[in-house]
Amino acid sequence: MLKGLGALGGLGDMAKMMKAAQDMQGKLAELPEDLARLVVTGEAGAGLVRARVTAKGEVTGIDIDPSILVASEKEVVEDLILAAIHDAQIKAKVRSEQETSRLAEAMGMPPGMKLPF
């Protein structure tokens, strides 16, 4: 008769699994918000132009050193702005992937497994 009680011990494991699944769901729901708050900076022209981008890829700001704001250098400035944005977007993508991987690892997922975003 005591053998049957051993099967009931599995209910505790099931409760732990359900709790872990709820925790995972909560963390997954928070990730997009966390990525939207995480800001990285890209630069071009040895720091003369800097772009700030969220880990979701949204450009939030540009800083341009006034010394390069010369009318005859308009095209150079435009190229530096694009390069800074591109640099920031690459850094944002890397950071997003790092945060997603960190979360997946914390949830016990195999290395390299992609989350659905």
PDB file of N, CA and C in Angstrom:
ATOM      1  N   MET A   1       0.816  -1.187   0.000  1.00  0.00           N
ATOM      2  CA  MET A   1       0.000   0.000   0.000  1.00  0.00           C
ATOM      3  C   MET A   1       0.867   1.262   0.000  1.00  0.00           C
ATOM      4  N   LEU A   2       2.021   1.224   0.613  1.00  0.00           N
ATOM      5  CA  LEU A   2       2.899   2.370   0.641  1.00  0.00           C
ATOM      6  C   LEU A   2       3.523   2.648  -0.717  1.00  0.00           C
ATOM      7  N   LYS A   3       3.580   1.605  -1.563  1.00  0.00           N
ATOM      8  CA  LYS A   3       4.141   1.807  -2.893  1.00  0.00           C
ATOM      9  C   LYS A   3       3.338   2.836  -3.668  1.00  0.00           C
ATOM     10  N   GLY A   4       2.067   2.852  -3.509  1.00  0.00           N
ATOM     11  CA  GLY A   4       1.207   3.798  -4.209  1.00  0.00           C
ATOM     12  C   GLY A   4       1.473   5.240  -3.803  1.00  0.00           C
ATOM     13  N   LEU A   5       1.930   5.467  -2.584  1.00  0.00           N
ATOM     14  CA  LEU A   5       2.210   6.817  -2.125  1.00  0.00           C
ATOM     15  C   LEU A   5       3.398   7.421  -2.859  1.00  0.00           C
ATOM     16  N   GLY A   6       4.296   6.576  -3.326  1.00  0.00           N
ATOM     17  CA  GLY A   6       5.460   7.075  -4.060  1.00  0.00           C
ATOM     18  C   GLY A   6       5.044   7.805  -5.321  1.00  0.00           C
ATOM     19  N   ALA A   7       3.989   7.363  -5.941  1.00  0.00           N
ATOM     20  CA  ALA A   7       3.510   8.016  -7.158  1.00  0.00           C
ATOM     21  C   ALA A   7       2.998   9.423  -6.860  1.00  0.00           C
ATOM     22  N   LEU A   8       2.452   9.640  -5.671  1.00  0.00           N
ATOM     23  CA  LEU A   8       1.955  10.967  -5.307  1.00  0.00           C
ATOM     24  C   LEU A   8       3.096  11.956  -5.122  1.00  0.00           C
ATOM     25  N   GLY A   9       4.295  11.478  -4.848  1.00  0.00           N
ATOM     26  CA  GLY A   9       5.454  12.360  -4.712  1.00  0.00           C
ATOM     27  C   GLY A   9       5.734  13.105  -6.002  1.00  0.00           C
ATOM     28  N   GLY A  10       5.299  12.547  -7.127  1.00  0.00           N
ATOM     29  CA  GLY A  10       5.480  13.197  -8.414  1.00  0.00           C
ATOM     30  C   GLY A  10       4.666  14.476  -8.544  1.00  0.00           C
ATOM     31  N   LEU A  11       3.624  14.622  -7.739  1.00  0.00           N
ATOM     32  CA  LEU A  11       2.810  15.840  -7.783  1.00  0.00           C
ATOM     33  C   LEU A  11       3.620  17.062  -7.352  1.00  0.00           C
ATOM     34  N   GLY A  12       4.523  16.872  -6.401  1.00  0.00           N
ATOM     35  CA  GLY A  12       5.395  17.964  -5.973  1.00  0.00           C
ATOM     36  C   GLY A  12       6.295  18.412  -7.112  1.00  0.00           C
ATOM     37  N   ASP A  13       6.801  17.425  -7.877  1.00  0.00           N
ATOM     38  CA  ASP A  13       7.636  17.760  -9.028  1.00  0.00           C
ATOM     39  C   ASP A  13       6.825  18.507 -10.082  1.00  0.00           C
ATOM     40  N   MET A  14       5.581  18.094 -10.258  1.00  0.00           N
ATOM     41  CA  MET A  14       4.719  18.749 -11.228  1.00  0.00           C
ATOM     42  C   MET A  14       4.459  20.193 -10.808  1.00  0.00           C
ATOM     43  N   ALA A  15       4.244  20.420  -9.510  1.00  0.00           N
ATOM     44  CA  ALA A  15       4.027  21.778  -9.003  1.00  0.00           C
ATOM     45  C   ALA A  15       5.269  22.635  -9.243  1.00  0.00           C
ATOM     46  N   LYS A  16       6.446  22.062  -9.053  1.00  0.00           N
ATOM     47  CA  LYS A  16       7.695  22.791  -9.304  1.00  0.00           C
ATOM     48  C   LYS A  16       7.822  23.137 -10.783  1.00  0.00           C
ATOM     49  N   MET A  17       7.450  22.201 -11.637  1.00  0.00           N
ATOM     50  CA  MET A  17       7.519  22.448 -13.074  1.00  0.00           C
ATOM     51  C   MET A  17       6.552  23.548 -13.480  1.00  0.00           C
ATOM     52  N   MET A  18       5.356  23.542 -12.909  1.00  0.00           N
ATOM     53  CA  MET A  18       4.365  24.568 -13.226  1.00  0.00           C
ATOM     54  C   MET A  18       4.856  25.938 -12.760  1.00  0.00           C
ATOM     55  N   LYS A  19       5.462  25.994 -11.577  1.00  0.00           N
ATOM     56  CA  LYS A  19       6.004  27.248 -11.054  1.00  0.00           C
ATOM     57  C   LYS A  19       7.134  27.746 -11.952  1.00  0.00           C
ATOM     58  N   ALA A  20       8.008  26.842 -12.380  1.00  0.00           N
ATOM     59  CA  ALA A  20       9.113  27.215 -13.270  1.00  0.00           C
ATOM     60  C   ALA A  20       8.569  27.729 -14.602  1.00  0.00           C
ATOM     61  N   ALA A  21       7.517  27.099 -15.109  1.00  0.00           N
ATOM     62  CA  ALA A  21       6.918  27.542 -16.372  1.00  0.00           C
ATOM     63  C   ALA A  21       6.317  28.939 -16.221  1.00  0.00           C
ATOM     64  N   GLN A  22       5.679  29.211 -15.094  1.00  0.00           N
ATOM     65  CA  GLN A  22       5.122  30.541 -14.848  1.00  0.00           C
ATOM     66  C   GLN A  22       6.233  31.580 -14.737  1.00  0.00           C
ATOM     67  N   ASP A  23       7.321  31.234 -14.043  1.00  0.00           N
ATOM     68  CA  ASP A  23       8.460  32.146 -13.919  1.00  0.00           C
ATOM     69  C   ASP A  23       9.042  32.456 -15.296  1.00  0.00           C
ATOM     70  N   MET A  24       9.169  31.411 -16.122  1.00  0.00           N
ATOM     71  CA  MET A  24       9.715  31.565 -17.471  1.00  0.00           C
ATOM     72  C   MET A  24       8.813  32.489 -18.288  1.00  0.00           C
ATOM     73  N   GLN A  25       7.524  32.295 -18.186  1.00  0.00           N
ATOM     74  CA  GLN A  25       6.584  33.121 -18.937  1.00  0.00           C
ATOM     75  C   GLN A  25       6.700  34.590 -18.516  1.00  0.00           C
ATOM     76  N   GLY A  26       6.861  34.819 -17.226  1.00  0.00           N
ATOM     77  CA  GLY A  26       7.021  36.190 -16.733  1.00  0.00           C
ATOM     78  C   GLY A  26       8.297  36.829 -17.244  1.00  0.00           C
ATOM     79  N   LYS A  27       9.385  36.073 -17.237  1.00  0.00           N
ATOM     80  CA  LYS A  27      10.666  36.598 -17.719  1.00  0.00           C
ATOM     81  C   LYS A  27      10.618  36.874 -19.219  1.00  0.00           C
ATOM     82  N   LEU A  28       9.953  35.998 -19.955  1.00  0.00           N
ATOM     83  CA  LEU A  28       9.814  36.212 -21.399  1.00  0.00           C
ATOM     84  C   LEU A  28       8.990  37.464 -21.691  1.00  0.00           C
ATOM     85  N   ALA A  29       7.976  37.706 -20.875  1.00  0.00           N
ATOM     86  CA  ALA A  29       7.130  38.883 -21.066  1.00  0.00           C
ATOM     87  C   ALA A  29       7.903  40.167 -20.766  1.00  0.00           C
ATOM     88  N   GLU A  30       8.839  40.108 -19.828  1.00  0.00           N
ATOM     89  CA  GLU A  30       9.626  41.284 -19.445  1.00  0.00           C
ATOM     90  C   GLU A  30      10.754  41.583 -20.432  1.00  0.00           C
ATOM     91  N   LEU A  31      11.220  40.587 -21.169  1.00  0.00           N
ATOM     92  CA  LEU A  31      12.386  40.772 -22.027  1.00  0.00           C
ATOM     93  C   LEU A  31      12.229  41.908 -23.043  1.00  0.00           C
ATOM     94  N   PRO A  32      11.130  41.997 -23.791  1.00  0.00           N
ATOM     95  CA  PRO A  32      11.015  43.110 -24.743  1.00  0.00           C
ATOM     96  C   PRO A  32      11.097  44.483 -24.064  1.00  0.00           C
ATOM     97  N   GLU A  33      10.511  44.603 -22.885  1.00  0.00           N
ATOM     98  CA  GLU A  33      10.579  45.868 -22.152  1.00  0.00           C
ATOM     99  C   GLU A  33      12.009  46.162 -21.715  1.00  0.00           C
ATOM    100  N   ASP A  34      12.704  45.137 -21.255  1.00  0.00           N
ATOM    101  CA  ASP A  34      14.097  45.306 -20.845  1.00  0.00           C
ATOM    102  C   ASP A  34      14.956  45.741 -22.029  1.00  0.00           C
ATOM    103  N   LEU A  35      14.726  45.134 -23.181  1.00  0.00           N
ATOM    104  CA  LEU A  35      15.496  45.480 -24.380  1.00  0.00           C
ATOM    105  C   LEU A  35      15.190  46.901 -24.838  1.00  0.00           C
ATOM    106  N   ALA A  36      13.971  47.351 -24.644  1.00  0.00           N
ATOM    107  CA  ALA A  36      13.606  48.718 -25.028  1.00  0.00           C
ATOM    108  C   ALA A  36      14.272  49.747 -24.125  1.00  0.00           C
ATOM    109  N   ARG A  37      14.589  49.363 -22.886  1.00  0.00           N
ATOM    110  CA  ARG A  37      15.250  50.282 -21.955  1.00  0.00           C
ATOM    111  C   ARG A  37      16.772  50.245 -22.073  1.00  0.00           C
ATOM    112  N   LEU A  38      17.316  49.184 -22.619  1.00  0.00           N
ATOM    113  CA  LEU A  38      18.760  49.027 -22.731  1.00  0.00           C
ATOM    114  C   LEU A  38      19.268  49.838 -23.914  1.00  0.00           C
ATOM    115  N   VAL A  39      20.144  50.807 -23.666  1.00  0.00           N
ATOM    116  CA  VAL A  39      20.639  51.696 -24.714  1.00  0.00           C
ATOM    117  C   VAL A  39      22.132  51.457 -24.923  1.00  0.00           C
ATOM    118  N   VAL A  40      22.525  51.340 -26.189  1.00  0.00           N
ATOM    119  CA  VAL A  40      23.934  51.206 -26.549  1.00  0.00           C
ATOM    120  C   VAL A  40      24.323  52.407 -27.409  1.00  0.00           C
ATOM    121  N   THR A  41      25.625  52.676 -27.477  1.00  0.00           N
ATOM    122  CA  THR A  41      26.114  53.813 -28.252  1.00  0.00           C
ATOM    123  C   THR A  41      27.056  53.329 -29.333  1.00  0.00           C
ATOM    124  N   GLY A  42      26.825  53.806 -30.541  1.00  0.00           N
ATOM    125  CA  GLY A  42      27.732  53.538 -31.655  1.00  0.00           C
ATOM    126  C   GLY A  42      28.404  54.840 -32.028  1.00  0.00           C
ATOM    127  N   GLU A  43      29.556  54.729 -32.670  1.00  0.00           N
ATOM    128  CA  GLU A  43      30.246  55.961 -33.048  1.00  0.00           C
ATOM    129  C   GLU A  43      30.942  55.825 -34.387  1.00  0.00           C
ATOM    130  N   ALA A  44      31.267  56.976 -34.936  1.00  0.00           N
ATOM    131  CA  ALA A  44      31.989  57.037 -36.199  1.00  0.00           C
ATOM    132  C   ALA A  44      32.898  58.268 -36.154  1.00  0.00           C
ATOM    133  N   GLY A  45      33.898  58.263 -37.031  1.00  0.00           N
ATOM    134  CA  GLY A  45      34.809  59.402 -37.089  1.00  0.00           C
ATOM    135  C   GLY A  45      35.554  59.602 -35.787  1.00  0.00           C
ATOM    136  N   ALA A  46      36.032  58.501 -35.202  1.00  0.00           N
ATOM    137  CA  ALA A  46      36.780  58.550 -33.929  1.00  0.00           C
ATOM    138  C   ALA A  46      35.985  59.265 -32.841  1.00  0.00           C
ATOM    139  N   GLY A  47      34.680  59.039 -32.825  1.00  0.00           N
ATOM    140  CA  GLY A  47      33.832  59.610 -31.784  1.00  0.00           C
ATOM    141  C   GLY A  47      33.253  60.972 -32.102  1.00  0.00           C
ATOM    142  N   LEU A  48      33.499  61.485 -33.293  1.00  0.00           N
ATOM    143  CA  LEU A  48      32.946  62.791 -33.660  1.00  0.00           C
ATOM    144  C   LEU A  48      31.429  62.734 -33.803  1.00  0.00           C
ATOM    145  N   VAL A  49      30.904  61.554 -34.165  1.00  0.00           N
ATOM    146  CA  VAL A  49      29.461  61.346 -34.251  1.00  0.00           C
ATOM    147  C   VAL A  49      29.125  60.104 -33.438  1.00  0.00           C
ATOM    148  N   ARG A  50      28.125  60.262 -32.557  1.00  0.00           N
ATOM    149  CA  ARG A  50      27.674  59.139 -31.725  1.00  0.00           C
ATOM    150  C   ARG A  50      26.165  58.985 -31.893  1.00  0.00           C
ATOM    151  N   ALA A  51      25.736  57.725 -31.942  1.00  0.00           N
ATOM    152  CA  ALA A  51      24.307  57.429 -32.038  1.00  0.00           C
ATOM    153  C   ALA A  51      23.918  56.536 -30.867  1.00  0.00           C
ATOM    154  N   ARG A  52      22.778  56.822 -30.267  1.00  0.00           N
ATOM    155  CA  ARG A  52      22.244  55.984 -29.193  1.00  0.00           C
ATOM    156  C   ARG A  52      21.061  55.199 -29.740  1.00  0.00           C
ATOM    157  N   VAL A  53      21.076  53.887 -29.476  1.00  0.00           N
ATOM    158  CA  VAL A  53      20.053  52.983 -29.999  1.00  0.00           C
ATOM    159  C   VAL A  53      19.659  52.011 -28.896  1.00  0.00           C
ATOM    160  N   THR A  54      18.358  51.719 -28.789  1.00  0.00           N
ATOM    161  CA  THR A  54      17.927  50.704 -27.827  1.00  0.00           C
ATOM    162  C   THR A  54      18.320  49.327 -28.351  1.00  0.00           C
ATOM    163  N   ALA A  55      18.319  48.346 -27.476  1.00  0.00           N
ATOM    164  CA  ALA A  55      18.643  46.976 -27.884  1.00  0.00           C
ATOM    165  C   ALA A  55      17.576  46.409 -28.822  1.00  0.00           C
ATOM    166  N   LYS A  56      16.471  47.102 -28.956  1.00  0.00           N
ATOM    167  CA  LYS A  56      15.450  46.715 -29.933  1.00  0.00           C
ATOM    168  C   LYS A  56      15.696  47.378 -31.283  1.00  0.00           C
ATOM    169  N   GLY A  57      16.715  48.265 -31.363  1.00  0.00           N
ATOM    170  CA  GLY A  57      17.081  48.882 -32.625  1.00  0.00           C
ATOM    171  C   GLY A  57      16.527  50.277 -32.868  1.00  0.00           C
ATOM    172  N   GLU A  58      15.827  50.860 -31.902  1.00  0.00           N
ATOM    173  CA  GLU A  58      15.252  52.191 -32.064  1.00  0.00           C
ATOM    174  C   GLU A  58      16.305  53.257 -31.779  1.00  0.00           C
ATOM    175  N   VAL A  59      16.520  54.167 -32.728  1.00  0.00           N
ATOM    176  CA  VAL A  59      17.469  55.260 -32.552  1.00  0.00           C
ATOM    177  C   VAL A  59      16.853  56.265 -31.582  1.00  0.00           C
ATOM    178  N   THR A  60      17.587  56.572 -30.499  1.00  0.00           N
ATOM    179  CA  THR A  60      17.062  57.488 -29.486  1.00  0.00           C
ATOM    180  C   THR A  60      17.791  58.823 -29.447  1.00  0.00           C
ATOM    181  N   GLY A  61      18.946  58.913 -30.102  1.00  0.00           N
ATOM    182  CA  GLY A  61      19.649  60.183 -30.083  1.00  0.00           C
ATOM    183  C   GLY A  61      20.908  60.168 -30.923  1.00  0.00           C
ATOM    184  N   ILE A  62      21.345  61.360 -31.298  1.00  0.00           N
ATOM    185  CA  ILE A  62      22.568  61.553 -32.078  1.00  0.00           C
ATOM    186  C   ILE A  62      23.342  62.692 -31.422  1.00  0.00           C
ATOM    187  N   ASP A  63      24.650  62.529 -31.282  1.00  0.00           N
ATOM    188  CA  ASP A  63      25.533  63.598 -30.814  1.00  0.00           C
ATOM    189  C   ASP A  63      26.565  63.852 -31.902  1.00  0.00           C
ATOM    190  N   ILE A  64      26.675  65.125 -32.308  1.00  0.00           N
ATOM    191  CA  ILE A  64      27.625  65.503 -33.353  1.00  0.00           C
ATOM    192  C   ILE A  64      28.568  66.558 -32.791  1.00  0.00           C
ATOM    193  N   ASP A  65      29.863  66.304 -32.906  1.00  0.00           N
ATOM    194  CA  ASP A  65      30.846  67.289 -32.480  1.00  0.00           C
ATOM    195  C   ASP A  65      30.721  68.503 -33.396  1.00  0.00           C
ATOM    196  N   PRO A  66      30.538  69.692 -32.831  1.00  0.00           N
ATOM    197  CA  PRO A  66      30.334  70.891 -33.649  1.00  0.00           C
ATOM    198  C   PRO A  66      31.496  71.208 -34.591  1.00  0.00           C
ATOM    199  N   SER A  67      32.663  70.685 -34.301  1.00  0.00           N
ATOM    200  CA  SER A  67      33.814  71.002 -35.147  1.00  0.00           C
ATOM    201  C   SER A  67      33.670  70.465 -36.570  1.00  0.00           C
ATOM    202  N   ILE A  68      32.787  69.489 -36.772  1.00  0.00           N
ATOM    203  CA  ILE A  68      32.638  68.931 -38.122  1.00  0.00           C
ATOM    204  C   ILE A  68      31.462  69.532 -38.875  1.00  0.00           C
ATOM    205  N   LEU A  69      30.767  70.471 -38.261  1.00  0.00           N
ATOM    206  CA  LEU A  69      29.602  71.091 -38.902  1.00  0.00           C
ATOM    207  C   LEU A  69      30.042  72.254 -39.788  1.00  0.00           C
ATOM    208  N   VAL A  70      30.595  71.873 -40.917  1.00  0.00           N
ATOM    209  CA  VAL A  70      31.052  72.834 -41.915  1.00  0.00           C
ATOM    210  C   VAL A  70      30.269  72.534 -43.188  1.00  0.00           C
ATOM    211  N   ALA A  71      29.687  73.563 -43.777  1.00  0.00           N
ATOM    212  CA  ALA A  71      28.821  73.383 -44.943  1.00  0.00           C
ATOM    213  C   ALA A  71      29.496  72.579 -46.056  1.00  0.00           C
ATOM    214  N   SER A  72      30.769  72.818 -46.270  1.00  0.00           N
ATOM    215  CA  SER A  72      31.466  72.109 -47.352  1.00  0.00           C
ATOM    216  C   SER A  72      31.680  70.623 -47.037  1.00  0.00           C
ATOM    217  N   GLU A  73      31.473  70.237 -45.796  1.00  0.00           N
ATOM    218  CA  GLU A  73      31.671  68.842 -45.377  1.00  0.00           C
ATOM    219  C   GLU A  73      30.341  68.133 -45.114  1.00  0.00           C
ATOM    220  N   LYS A  74      29.269  68.647 -45.665  1.00  0.00           N
ATOM    221  CA  LYS A  74      27.930  68.100 -45.435  1.00  0.00           C
ATOM    222  C   LYS A  74      27.853  66.598 -45.713  1.00  0.00           C
ATOM    223  N   GLU A  75      28.374  66.157 -46.842  1.00  0.00           N
ATOM    224  CA  GLU A  75      28.296  64.740 -47.200  1.00  0.00           C
ATOM    225  C   GLU A  75      29.092  63.874 -46.229  1.00  0.00           C
ATOM    226  N   VAL A  76      30.224  64.368 -45.785  1.00  0.00           N
ATOM    227  CA  VAL A  76      31.036  63.620 -44.818  1.00  0.00           C
ATOM    228  C   VAL A  76      30.260  63.456 -43.513  1.00  0.00           C
ATOM    229  N   VAL A  77      29.632  64.531 -43.055  1.00  0.00           N
ATOM    230  CA  VAL A  77      28.848  64.481 -41.818  1.00  0.00           C
ATOM    231  C   VAL A  77      27.692  63.488 -41.968  1.00  0.00           C
ATOM    232  N   GLU A  78      27.012  63.532 -43.100  1.00  0.00           N
ATOM    233  CA  GLU A  78      25.910  62.595 -43.338  1.00  0.00           C
ATOM    234  C   GLU A  78      26.409  61.147 -43.302  1.00  0.00           C
ATOM    235  N   ASP A  79      27.556  60.903 -43.939  1.00  0.00           N
ATOM    236  CA  ASP A  79      28.125  59.548 -43.927  1.00  0.00           C
ATOM    237  C   ASP A  79      28.490  59.115 -42.511  1.00  0.00           C
ATOM    238  N   LEU A  80      29.040  60.036 -41.727  1.00  0.00           N
ATOM    239  CA  LEU A  80      29.411  59.708 -40.342  1.00  0.00           C
ATOM    240  C   LEU A  80      28.168  59.414 -39.502  1.00  0.00           C
ATOM    241  N   ILE A  81      27.101  60.146 -39.732  1.00  0.00           N
ATOM    242  CA  ILE A  81      25.857  59.883 -38.998  1.00  0.00           C
ATOM    243  C   ILE A  81      25.347  58.483 -39.320  1.00  0.00           C
ATOM    244  N   LEU A  82      25.305  58.153 -40.595  1.00  0.00           N
ATOM    245  CA  LEU A  82      24.851  56.809 -40.982  1.00  0.00           C
ATOM    246  C   LEU A  82      25.755  55.731 -40.404  1.00  0.00           C
ATOM    247  N   ALA A  83      27.058  55.957 -40.437  1.00  0.00           N
ATOM    248  CA  ALA A  83      28.000  54.973 -39.899  1.00  0.00           C
ATOM    249  C   ALA A  83      27.812  54.798 -38.396  1.00  0.00           C
ATOM    250  N   ALA A  84      27.586  55.893 -37.673  1.00  0.00           N
ATOM    251  CA  ALA A  84      27.369  55.804 -36.228  1.00  0.00           C
ATOM    252  C   ALA A  84      26.083  55.042 -35.915  1.00  0.00           C
ATOM    253  N   ILE A  85      25.026  55.313 -36.677  1.00  0.00           N
ATOM    254  CA  ILE A  85      23.763  54.592 -36.471  1.00  0.00           C
ATOM    255  C   ILE A  85      23.954  53.111 -36.759  1.00  0.00           C
ATOM    256  N   HIS A  86      24.634  52.806 -37.843  1.00  0.00           N
ATOM    257  CA  HIS A  86      24.880  51.407 -38.197  1.00  0.00           C
ATOM    258  C   HIS A  86      25.693  50.710 -37.101  1.00  0.00           C
ATOM    259  N   ASP A  87      26.722  51.361 -36.600  1.00  0.00           N
ATOM    260  CA  ASP A  87      27.540  50.798 -35.524  1.00  0.00           C
ATOM    261  C   ASP A  87      26.688  50.532 -34.283  1.00  0.00           C
ATOM    262  N   ALA A  88      25.837  51.496 -33.936  1.00  0.00           N
ATOM    263  CA  ALA A  88      24.979  51.327 -32.765  1.00  0.00           C
ATOM    264  C   ALA A  88      23.977  50.199 -32.965  1.00  0.00           C
ATOM    265  N   GLN A  89      23.430  50.070 -34.174  1.00  0.00           N
ATOM    266  CA  GLN A  89      22.463  49.000 -34.433  1.00  0.00           C
ATOM    267  C   GLN A  89      23.119  47.625 -34.347  1.00  0.00           C
ATOM    268  N   ILE A  90      24.344  47.512 -34.809  1.00  0.00           N
ATOM    269  CA  ILE A  90      25.069  46.237 -34.687  1.00  0.00           C
ATOM    270  C   ILE A  90      25.290  45.907 -33.217  1.00  0.00           C
ATOM    271  N   LYS A  91      25.729  46.898 -32.439  1.00  0.00           N
ATOM    272  CA  LYS A  91      25.934  46.689 -31.004  1.00  0.00           C
ATOM    273  C   LYS A  91      24.618  46.339 -30.315  1.00  0.00           C
ATOM    274  N   ALA A  92      23.530  46.977 -30.734  1.00  0.00           N
ATOM    275  CA  ALA A  92      22.217  46.697 -30.156  1.00  0.00           C
ATOM    276  C   ALA A  92      21.799  45.257 -30.434  1.00  0.00           C
ATOM    277  N   LYS A  93      22.043  44.798 -31.649  1.00  0.00           N
ATOM    278  CA  LYS A  93      21.686  43.425 -32.005  1.00  0.00           C
ATOM    279  C   LYS A  93      22.489  42.420 -31.173  1.00  0.00           C
ATOM    280  N   VAL A  94      23.773  42.681 -31.024  1.00  0.00           N
ATOM    281  CA  VAL A  94      24.627  41.803 -30.215  1.00  0.00           C
ATOM    282  C   VAL A  94      24.138  41.782 -28.775  1.00  0.00           C
ATOM    283  N   ARG A  95      23.827  42.957 -28.229  1.00  0.00           N
ATOM    284  CA  ARG A  95      23.361  43.037 -26.847  1.00  0.00           C
ATOM    285  C   ARG A  95      22.041  42.315 -26.656  1.00  0.00           C
ATOM    286  N   SER A  96      21.142  42.470 -27.632  1.00  0.00           N
ATOM    287  CA  SER A  96      19.855  41.795 -27.585  1.00  0.00           C
ATOM    288  C   SER A  96      20.048  40.279 -27.585  1.00  0.00           C
ATOM    289  N   GLU A  97      20.931  39.799 -28.443  1.00  0.00           N
ATOM    290  CA  GLU A  97      21.215  38.365 -28.508  1.00  0.00           C
ATOM    291  C   GLU A  97      21.840  37.876 -27.202  1.00  0.00           C
ATOM    292  N   GLN A  98      22.716  38.678 -26.605  1.00  0.00           N
ATOM    293  CA  GLN A  98      23.330  38.298 -25.333  1.00  0.00           C
ATOM    294  C   GLN A  98      22.280  38.190 -24.236  1.00  0.00           C
ATOM    295  N   GLU A  99      21.385  39.174 -24.164  1.00  0.00           N
ATOM    296  CA  GLU A  99      20.351  39.164 -23.135  1.00  0.00           C
ATOM    297  C   GLU A  99      19.389  37.995 -23.328  1.00  0.00           C
ATOM    298  N   THR A 100      19.026  37.717 -24.565  1.00  0.00           N
ATOM    299  CA  THR A 100      18.136  36.607 -24.868  1.00  0.00           C
ATOM    300  C   THR A 100      18.801  35.283 -24.517  1.00  0.00           C
ATOM    301  N   SER A 101      20.073  35.144 -24.854  1.00  0.00           N
ATOM    302  CA  SER A 101      20.807  33.913 -24.532  1.00  0.00           C
ATOM    303  C   SER A 101      20.946  33.733 -23.029  1.00  0.00           C
ATOM    304  N   ARG A 102      21.204  34.850 -22.333  1.00  0.00           N
ATOM    305  CA  ARG A 102      21.331  34.793 -20.875  1.00  0.00           C
ATOM    306  C   ARG A 102      20.028  34.305 -20.250  1.00  0.00           C
ATOM    307  N   LEU A 103      18.914  34.820 -20.743  1.00  0.00           N
ATOM    308  CA  LEU A 103      17.610  34.405 -20.226  1.00  0.00           C
ATOM    309  C   LEU A 103      17.348  32.935 -20.544  1.00  0.00           C
ATOM    310  N   ALA A 104      17.636  32.525 -21.770  1.00  0.00           N
ATOM    311  CA  ALA A 104      17.421  31.125 -22.164  1.00  0.00           C
ATOM    312  C   ALA A 104      18.264  30.191 -21.302  1.00  0.00           C
ATOM    313  N   GLU A 105      19.505  30.586 -21.054  1.00  0.00           N
ATOM    314  CA  GLU A 105      20.389  29.762 -20.217  1.00  0.00           C
ATOM    315  C   GLU A 105      19.861  29.685 -18.795  1.00  0.00           C
ATOM    316  N   ALA A 106      19.378  30.810 -18.264  1.00  0.00           N
ATOM    317  CA  ALA A 106      18.830  30.830 -16.906  1.00  0.00           C
ATOM    318  C   ALA A 106      17.602  29.940 -16.790  1.00  0.00           C
ATOM    319  N   MET A 107      16.893  29.755 -17.912  1.00  0.00           N
ATOM    320  CA  MET A 107      15.704  28.910 -17.908  1.00  0.00           C
ATOM    321  C   MET A 107      16.056  27.448 -18.177  1.00  0.00           C
ATOM    322  N   GLY A 108      17.354  27.162 -18.350  1.00  0.00           N
ATOM    323  CA  GLY A 108      17.774  25.783 -18.552  1.00  0.00           C
ATOM    324  C   GLY A 108      17.657  25.293 -19.978  1.00  0.00           C
ATOM    325  N   MET A 109      17.547  26.213 -20.928  1.00  0.00           N
ATOM    326  CA  MET A 109      17.448  25.814 -22.331  1.00  0.00           C
ATOM    327  C   MET A 109      18.843  25.493 -22.854  1.00  0.00           C
ATOM    328  N   PRO A 110      18.927  24.616 -23.837  1.00  0.00           N
ATOM    329  CA  PRO A 110      20.231  24.255 -24.388  1.00  0.00           C
ATOM    330  C   PRO A 110      20.910  25.463 -25.044  1.00  0.00           C
ATOM    331  N   PRO A 111      22.250  25.535 -24.972  1.00  0.00           N
ATOM    332  CA  PRO A 111      22.970  26.644 -25.608  1.00  0.00           C
ATOM    333  C   PRO A 111      22.637  26.728 -27.100  1.00  0.00           C
ATOM    334  N   GLY A 112      22.471  27.944 -27.593  1.00  0.00           N
ATOM    335  CA  GLY A 112      22.179  28.149 -29.005  1.00  0.00           C
ATOM    336  C   GLY A 112      20.710  28.093 -29.355  1.00  0.00           C
ATOM    337  N   MET A 113      19.866  27.686 -28.438  1.00  0.00           N
ATOM    338  CA  MET A 113      18.433  27.630 -28.720  1.00  0.00           C
ATOM    339  C   MET A 113      17.885  29.049 -28.736  1.00  0.00           C
ATOM    340  N   LYS A 114      17.162  29.382 -29.773  1.00  0.00           N
ATOM    341  CA  LYS A 114      16.643  30.740 -29.951  1.00  0.00           C
ATOM    342  C   LYS A 114      15.282  30.870 -29.301  1.00  0.00           C
ATOM    343  N   LEU A 115      15.080  32.014 -28.630  1.00  0.00           N
ATOM    344  CA  LEU A 115      13.759  32.334 -28.106  1.00  0.00           C
ATOM    345  C   LEU A 115      12.960  32.990 -29.233  1.00  0.00           C
ATOM    346  N   PRO A 116      11.658  33.026 -29.115  1.00  0.00           N
ATOM    347  CA  PRO A 116      10.824  33.479 -30.246  1.00  0.00           C
ATOM    348  C   PRO A 116      10.793  34.985 -30.496  1.00  0.00           C
ATOM    349  N   PHE A 117      11.935  35.694 -30.399  1.00  0.00           N
ATOM    350  CA  PHE A 117      12.004  37.096 -30.797  1.00  0.00           C
ATOM    351  C   PHE A 117      13.415  37.494 -31.066  1.00  0.00           C
TER     352      PHE A 117
END
